[in-house]
């Protein structure tokens, strides 16, 4: 693959990672309205996450979600805003603040998960 094409593809993959929603099944703690509860992450991206089995939330509400991803032994502590919530306890959250060290770990984790999903013939070009 030519140098320009390789560089362009690298940019495409980085941009794809930013919007890549990685499916996941991880228990989490949630702090909302001064109360602690529990939920489960069902997907995560650099910009937010989806949860289920959550306490009652309202769009616009600010919450804090604490969880650990499979692999890195880091407890993530992410301040988020509720974008949507349904009567089945599912919600979409937009990340408001992720500590920089956690942001770097999340970016690397997502990049690894995205690469794992690429066909081997494509992934081999960038190793």
N, C-alpha and C. Protein backbone atom coordinates (compact mmCIF):
# COMPACT_ATOMS: atom_id res chain seq x y z
N UNK A 1 0.86 -1.17 0.00
CA UNK A 1 0.00 0.00 0.00
C UNK A 1 0.90 1.23 0.00
N UNK A 2 0.62 2.20 -0.85
CA UNK A 2 1.44 3.39 -0.94
C UNK A 2 1.38 4.20 0.34
N UNK A 3 2.41 5.03 0.54
CA UNK A 3 2.51 5.84 1.75
C UNK A 3 1.33 6.77 1.96
N UNK A 4 0.88 7.41 0.88
CA UNK A 4 -0.26 8.33 1.02
C UNK A 4 -1.54 7.59 1.38
N UNK A 5 -1.76 6.46 0.72
CA UNK A 5 -2.95 5.67 1.01
C UNK A 5 -2.91 5.15 2.44
N UNK A 6 -1.74 4.71 2.87
CA UNK A 6 -1.60 4.20 4.23
C UNK A 6 -1.89 5.30 5.25
N UNK A 7 -1.36 6.50 5.02
CA UNK A 7 -1.61 7.63 5.92
C UNK A 7 -3.09 8.00 5.93
N UNK A 8 -3.70 8.04 4.77
CA UNK A 8 -5.13 8.37 4.68
C UNK A 8 -5.96 7.31 5.40
N UNK A 9 -5.61 6.04 5.21
CA UNK A 9 -6.38 4.98 5.86
C UNK A 9 -6.23 5.07 7.37
N UNK A 10 -5.01 5.44 7.84
CA UNK A 10 -4.81 5.62 9.28
C UNK A 10 -5.72 6.70 9.84
N UNK A 11 -5.89 7.80 9.10
CA UNK A 11 -6.80 8.87 9.52
C UNK A 11 -8.25 8.40 9.54
N UNK A 12 -8.61 7.61 8.55
CA UNK A 12 -9.98 7.08 8.48
C UNK A 12 -10.24 6.18 9.68
N UNK A 13 -9.28 5.32 10.00
CA UNK A 13 -9.45 4.41 11.14
C UNK A 13 -9.55 5.20 12.44
N UNK A 14 -8.70 6.26 12.63
CA UNK A 14 -8.78 7.08 13.84
C UNK A 14 -10.14 7.76 13.95
N UNK A 15 -10.66 8.27 12.84
CA UNK A 15 -11.97 8.92 12.86
C UNK A 15 -13.07 7.90 13.15
N UNK A 16 -12.94 6.73 12.57
CA UNK A 16 -13.92 5.66 12.81
C UNK A 16 -13.93 5.28 14.29
N UNK A 17 -12.72 5.26 14.91
CA UNK A 17 -12.64 4.91 16.32
C UNK A 17 -13.39 5.93 17.17
N UNK A 18 -13.34 7.20 16.79
CA UNK A 18 -14.02 8.23 17.57
C UNK A 18 -15.53 7.99 17.63
N UNK A 19 -16.11 7.46 16.56
CA UNK A 19 -17.55 7.22 16.56
C UNK A 19 -17.90 5.75 16.76
N UNK A 20 -16.89 4.91 16.87
CA UNK A 20 -17.08 3.47 17.05
C UNK A 20 -17.76 3.20 18.39
N UNK A 21 -18.89 2.53 18.34
CA UNK A 21 -19.59 2.12 19.56
C UNK A 21 -19.29 0.66 19.79
N UNK A 22 -18.51 0.40 20.80
CA UNK A 22 -18.10 -0.97 21.11
C UNK A 22 -19.15 -1.62 22.00
N UNK A 23 -19.75 -2.72 21.53
CA UNK A 23 -20.69 -3.44 22.39
C UNK A 23 -19.95 -3.99 23.61
N UNK A 24 -20.61 -3.96 24.75
CA UNK A 24 -19.97 -4.40 25.98
C UNK A 24 -21.05 -4.79 26.98
N UNK A 25 -20.73 -5.64 27.91
CA UNK A 25 -21.65 -6.01 28.99
C UNK A 25 -20.86 -5.91 30.29
N UNK A 26 -20.94 -4.74 30.94
CA UNK A 26 -20.15 -4.47 32.14
C UNK A 26 -21.06 -3.85 33.20
N UNK A 27 -21.02 -4.37 34.43
CA UNK A 27 -21.78 -3.72 35.50
C UNK A 27 -21.14 -2.37 35.83
N UNK A 28 -21.97 -1.43 36.27
CA UNK A 28 -21.48 -0.09 36.60
C UNK A 28 -22.28 0.46 37.77
N UNK A 29 -21.68 1.44 38.43
CA UNK A 29 -22.37 2.20 39.47
C UNK A 29 -22.73 3.54 38.86
N UNK A 30 -23.86 4.09 39.26
CA UNK A 30 -24.28 5.38 38.74
C UNK A 30 -24.70 6.27 39.91
N UNK A 31 -24.27 7.52 39.86
CA UNK A 31 -24.63 8.50 40.87
C UNK A 31 -25.49 9.55 40.16
N UNK A 32 -26.74 9.66 40.59
CA UNK A 32 -27.67 10.61 39.97
C UNK A 32 -28.59 11.17 41.04
N UNK A 33 -28.83 12.46 40.98
CA UNK A 33 -29.73 13.12 41.93
C UNK A 33 -29.35 12.86 43.38
N UNK A 34 -28.04 12.81 43.66
CA UNK A 34 -27.59 12.60 45.03
C UNK A 34 -27.74 11.18 45.53
N UNK A 35 -28.10 10.25 44.65
CA UNK A 35 -28.30 8.85 45.05
C UNK A 35 -27.41 7.94 44.22
N UNK A 36 -27.00 6.86 44.82
CA UNK A 36 -26.20 5.85 44.12
C UNK A 36 -27.09 4.70 43.69
N UNK A 37 -26.80 4.16 42.51
CA UNK A 37 -27.54 3.02 42.00
C UNK A 37 -26.63 2.15 41.16
N UNK A 38 -27.22 1.21 40.47
CA UNK A 38 -26.43 0.35 39.60
C UNK A 38 -27.08 0.29 38.22
N UNK A 39 -26.27 -0.09 37.24
CA UNK A 39 -26.72 -0.24 35.87
C UNK A 39 -25.73 -1.14 35.15
N UNK A 40 -25.91 -1.33 33.86
CA UNK A 40 -24.97 -2.08 33.03
C UNK A 40 -24.68 -1.28 31.78
N UNK A 41 -23.39 -1.22 31.40
CA UNK A 41 -23.03 -0.62 30.12
C UNK A 41 -23.36 -1.62 29.03
N UNK A 42 -23.96 -1.13 27.92
CA UNK A 42 -24.23 -2.01 26.78
C UNK A 42 -23.38 -1.62 25.58
N UNK A 43 -22.89 -0.38 25.54
CA UNK A 43 -21.89 0.01 24.54
C UNK A 43 -21.18 1.26 25.03
N UNK A 44 -20.00 1.51 24.45
CA UNK A 44 -19.22 2.67 24.84
C UNK A 44 -18.45 3.19 23.64
N UNK A 45 -18.28 4.51 23.59
CA UNK A 45 -17.48 5.16 22.55
C UNK A 45 -16.68 6.27 23.24
N UNK A 46 -15.87 6.99 22.46
CA UNK A 46 -15.12 8.11 23.04
C UNK A 46 -16.06 9.22 23.50
N UNK A 47 -17.26 9.30 22.92
CA UNK A 47 -18.16 10.39 23.24
C UNK A 47 -19.29 10.07 24.19
N UNK A 48 -19.46 8.80 24.55
CA UNK A 48 -20.56 8.47 25.44
C UNK A 48 -20.75 6.98 25.59
N UNK A 49 -21.92 6.63 26.15
CA UNK A 49 -22.21 5.22 26.40
C UNK A 49 -23.72 5.02 26.46
N UNK A 50 -24.11 3.78 26.31
CA UNK A 50 -25.50 3.40 26.52
C UNK A 50 -25.53 2.46 27.72
N UNK A 51 -26.57 2.62 28.54
CA UNK A 51 -26.71 1.78 29.73
C UNK A 51 -28.11 1.19 29.76
N UNK A 52 -28.26 0.13 30.55
CA UNK A 52 -29.59 -0.39 30.82
C UNK A 52 -29.68 -0.75 32.29
N UNK A 53 -30.89 -1.13 32.71
CA UNK A 53 -31.16 -1.46 34.11
C UNK A 53 -30.80 -0.30 35.04
N UNK A 54 -31.00 0.92 34.56
CA UNK A 54 -30.62 2.10 35.35
C UNK A 54 -31.80 2.59 36.20
N UNK A 55 -31.49 3.39 37.20
CA UNK A 55 -32.57 4.07 37.92
C UNK A 55 -33.25 5.06 36.97
N UNK A 56 -34.35 5.61 37.37
CA UNK A 56 -35.08 6.56 36.53
C UNK A 56 -34.23 7.81 36.31
N UNK A 57 -34.04 8.16 35.04
CA UNK A 57 -33.25 9.32 34.65
C UNK A 57 -34.09 10.23 33.76
N UNK A 58 -33.68 11.47 33.64
CA UNK A 58 -34.36 12.41 32.76
C UNK A 58 -33.34 13.04 31.82
N UNK A 59 -33.71 13.24 30.54
CA UNK A 59 -32.80 13.92 29.61
C UNK A 59 -32.36 15.26 30.19
N UNK A 60 -31.05 15.55 30.03
CA UNK A 60 -30.47 16.77 30.55
C UNK A 60 -29.85 16.61 31.93
N UNK A 61 -30.21 15.55 32.63
CA UNK A 61 -29.68 15.29 33.97
C UNK A 61 -28.19 14.95 33.88
N UNK A 62 -27.40 15.45 34.83
CA UNK A 62 -25.99 15.08 34.90
C UNK A 62 -25.82 13.93 35.87
N UNK A 63 -25.03 12.93 35.46
CA UNK A 63 -24.79 11.74 36.26
C UNK A 63 -23.30 11.42 36.24
N UNK A 64 -22.87 10.60 37.16
CA UNK A 64 -21.49 10.09 37.17
C UNK A 64 -21.59 8.57 37.09
N UNK A 65 -20.82 7.98 36.17
CA UNK A 65 -20.82 6.54 35.97
C UNK A 65 -19.44 6.00 36.30
N UNK A 66 -19.39 4.96 37.11
CA UNK A 66 -18.14 4.32 37.51
C UNK A 66 -18.16 2.87 37.03
N UNK A 67 -17.09 2.44 36.37
CA UNK A 67 -17.02 1.08 35.84
C UNK A 67 -15.58 0.72 35.53
N UNK A 68 -15.34 -0.55 35.28
CA UNK A 68 -14.04 -1.04 34.86
C UNK A 68 -14.23 -1.82 33.57
N UNK A 69 -13.41 -1.51 32.56
CA UNK A 69 -13.47 -2.23 31.29
C UNK A 69 -12.72 -3.55 31.42
N UNK A 70 -13.09 -4.55 30.61
CA UNK A 70 -12.31 -5.78 30.60
C UNK A 70 -10.89 -5.47 30.13
N UNK A 71 -9.91 -5.95 30.85
CA UNK A 71 -8.52 -5.73 30.46
C UNK A 71 -7.81 -4.79 31.41
N UNK A 72 -7.83 -3.47 31.11
CA UNK A 72 -7.07 -2.56 31.97
C UNK A 72 -7.72 -2.45 33.35
N UNK A 73 -6.91 -2.53 34.38
CA UNK A 73 -7.44 -2.44 35.74
C UNK A 73 -7.53 -0.98 36.16
N UNK A 74 -8.43 -0.26 35.50
CA UNK A 74 -8.63 1.15 35.76
C UNK A 74 -10.11 1.35 36.05
N UNK A 75 -10.40 2.04 37.14
CA UNK A 75 -11.78 2.37 37.44
C UNK A 75 -12.09 3.70 36.75
N UNK A 76 -12.96 3.64 35.76
CA UNK A 76 -13.36 4.85 35.04
C UNK A 76 -14.41 5.57 35.86
N UNK A 77 -14.33 6.89 35.85
CA UNK A 77 -15.21 7.75 36.62
C UNK A 77 -15.60 8.88 35.67
N UNK A 78 -16.74 8.72 34.98
CA UNK A 78 -17.09 9.63 33.88
C UNK A 78 -18.35 10.43 34.20
N UNK A 79 -18.19 11.76 34.17
CA UNK A 79 -19.34 12.65 34.30
C UNK A 79 -20.04 12.71 32.95
N UNK A 80 -21.35 12.52 32.95
CA UNK A 80 -22.11 12.43 31.71
C UNK A 80 -23.43 13.18 31.81
N UNK A 81 -24.02 13.41 30.65
CA UNK A 81 -25.34 14.02 30.56
C UNK A 81 -26.27 13.01 29.91
N UNK A 82 -27.46 12.87 30.46
CA UNK A 82 -28.46 11.95 29.90
C UNK A 82 -29.02 12.58 28.63
N UNK A 83 -28.87 11.88 27.50
CA UNK A 83 -29.43 12.35 26.22
C UNK A 83 -30.84 11.82 26.02
N UNK A 84 -31.06 10.57 26.40
CA UNK A 84 -32.38 9.96 26.28
C UNK A 84 -32.53 8.88 27.34
N UNK A 85 -33.78 8.59 27.67
CA UNK A 85 -34.10 7.55 28.64
C UNK A 85 -35.44 6.96 28.24
N UNK A 86 -35.58 5.64 28.35
CA UNK A 86 -36.89 5.04 28.06
C UNK A 86 -37.43 4.30 29.28
N UNK A 87 -38.70 3.92 29.21
CA UNK A 87 -39.38 3.30 30.35
C UNK A 87 -38.85 1.91 30.69
N UNK A 88 -37.98 1.36 29.85
CA UNK A 88 -37.39 0.05 30.12
C UNK A 88 -36.05 0.16 30.86
N UNK A 89 -35.69 1.37 31.28
CA UNK A 89 -34.47 1.57 32.04
C UNK A 89 -33.21 1.69 31.20
N UNK A 90 -33.39 1.98 29.91
CA UNK A 90 -32.23 2.18 29.02
C UNK A 90 -32.01 3.67 28.85
N UNK A 91 -30.73 4.04 28.70
CA UNK A 91 -30.41 5.46 28.53
C UNK A 91 -29.17 5.62 27.67
N UNK A 92 -29.11 6.75 26.99
CA UNK A 92 -27.92 7.15 26.24
C UNK A 92 -27.29 8.32 26.95
N UNK A 93 -25.98 8.23 27.19
CA UNK A 93 -25.26 9.27 27.94
C UNK A 93 -24.17 9.86 27.07
N UNK A 94 -24.02 11.17 27.15
CA UNK A 94 -22.92 11.87 26.47
C UNK A 94 -21.89 12.21 27.52
N UNK A 95 -20.64 11.84 27.26
CA UNK A 95 -19.56 12.12 28.22
C UNK A 95 -19.30 13.62 28.28
N UNK A 96 -19.27 14.14 29.50
CA UNK A 96 -18.97 15.55 29.71
C UNK A 96 -17.51 15.75 30.11
N UNK A 97 -17.02 14.87 31.00
CA UNK A 97 -15.65 15.02 31.49
C UNK A 97 -15.08 13.65 31.81
N UNK A 98 -13.97 13.34 31.14
CA UNK A 98 -13.23 12.12 31.42
C UNK A 98 -11.82 12.56 31.80
N UNK A 99 -11.33 12.16 32.98
CA UNK A 99 -9.95 12.52 33.33
C UNK A 99 -8.99 12.10 32.21
N UNK A 100 -7.98 12.94 31.94
CA UNK A 100 -7.11 12.73 30.77
C UNK A 100 -6.45 11.38 30.76
N UNK A 101 -5.98 10.87 31.90
CA UNK A 101 -5.34 9.56 31.90
C UNK A 101 -6.35 8.46 31.54
N UNK A 102 -7.60 8.61 32.00
CA UNK A 102 -8.63 7.64 31.66
C UNK A 102 -9.02 7.77 30.19
N UNK A 103 -9.02 9.00 29.66
CA UNK A 103 -9.33 9.24 28.25
C UNK A 103 -8.34 8.48 27.37
N UNK A 104 -7.05 8.56 27.70
CA UNK A 104 -6.02 7.87 26.92
C UNK A 104 -6.22 6.36 26.96
N UNK A 105 -6.53 5.83 28.13
CA UNK A 105 -6.75 4.39 28.26
C UNK A 105 -7.98 3.96 27.47
N UNK A 106 -9.05 4.76 27.55
CA UNK A 106 -10.26 4.44 26.79
C UNK A 106 -9.99 4.48 25.29
N UNK A 107 -9.26 5.49 24.81
CA UNK A 107 -8.94 5.58 23.39
C UNK A 107 -8.15 4.35 22.93
N UNK A 108 -7.17 3.93 23.71
CA UNK A 108 -6.36 2.76 23.34
C UNK A 108 -7.21 1.50 23.36
N UNK A 109 -8.07 1.36 24.37
CA UNK A 109 -8.93 0.19 24.47
C UNK A 109 -9.86 0.11 23.26
N UNK A 110 -10.47 1.24 22.88
CA UNK A 110 -11.36 1.27 21.72
C UNK A 110 -10.59 0.98 20.43
N UNK A 111 -9.38 1.53 20.30
CA UNK A 111 -8.57 1.27 19.11
C UNK A 111 -8.27 -0.22 18.97
N UNK A 112 -7.95 -0.86 20.10
CA UNK A 112 -7.68 -2.30 20.08
C UNK A 112 -8.93 -3.08 19.68
N UNK A 113 -10.06 -2.73 20.24
CA UNK A 113 -11.32 -3.42 19.91
C UNK A 113 -11.68 -3.22 18.44
N UNK A 114 -11.47 -2.02 17.92
CA UNK A 114 -11.76 -1.75 16.51
C UNK A 114 -10.83 -2.57 15.63
N UNK A 115 -9.55 -2.62 15.98
CA UNK A 115 -8.59 -3.39 15.18
C UNK A 115 -8.94 -4.88 15.19
N UNK A 116 -9.40 -5.37 16.34
CA UNK A 116 -9.79 -6.78 16.43
C UNK A 116 -10.93 -7.10 15.47
N UNK A 117 -11.73 -6.09 15.14
CA UNK A 117 -12.86 -6.30 14.22
C UNK A 117 -12.50 -6.15 12.75
N UNK A 118 -11.27 -5.66 12.46
CA UNK A 118 -10.85 -5.51 11.06
C UNK A 118 -10.46 -6.86 10.47
N UNK A 119 -10.69 -7.06 9.19
CA UNK A 119 -10.20 -8.28 8.54
C UNK A 119 -8.68 -8.35 8.68
N UNK A 120 -8.13 -9.53 8.88
CA UNK A 120 -6.69 -9.70 9.08
C UNK A 120 -5.88 -9.10 7.95
N UNK A 121 -6.36 -9.22 6.72
CA UNK A 121 -5.61 -8.69 5.58
C UNK A 121 -5.46 -7.17 5.65
N UNK A 122 -6.44 -6.49 6.21
CA UNK A 122 -6.37 -5.03 6.37
C UNK A 122 -5.51 -4.68 7.57
N UNK A 123 -5.75 -5.34 8.71
CA UNK A 123 -5.01 -5.03 9.93
C UNK A 123 -3.51 -5.24 9.72
N UNK A 124 -3.13 -6.25 8.97
CA UNK A 124 -1.72 -6.57 8.72
C UNK A 124 -0.99 -5.40 8.07
N UNK A 125 -1.68 -4.60 7.27
CA UNK A 125 -1.07 -3.46 6.57
C UNK A 125 -0.56 -2.39 7.54
N UNK A 126 -1.08 -2.39 8.77
CA UNK A 126 -0.76 -1.29 9.70
C UNK A 126 -0.01 -1.74 10.93
N UNK A 127 0.56 -2.93 10.91
CA UNK A 127 1.35 -3.41 12.04
C UNK A 127 2.80 -3.17 11.80
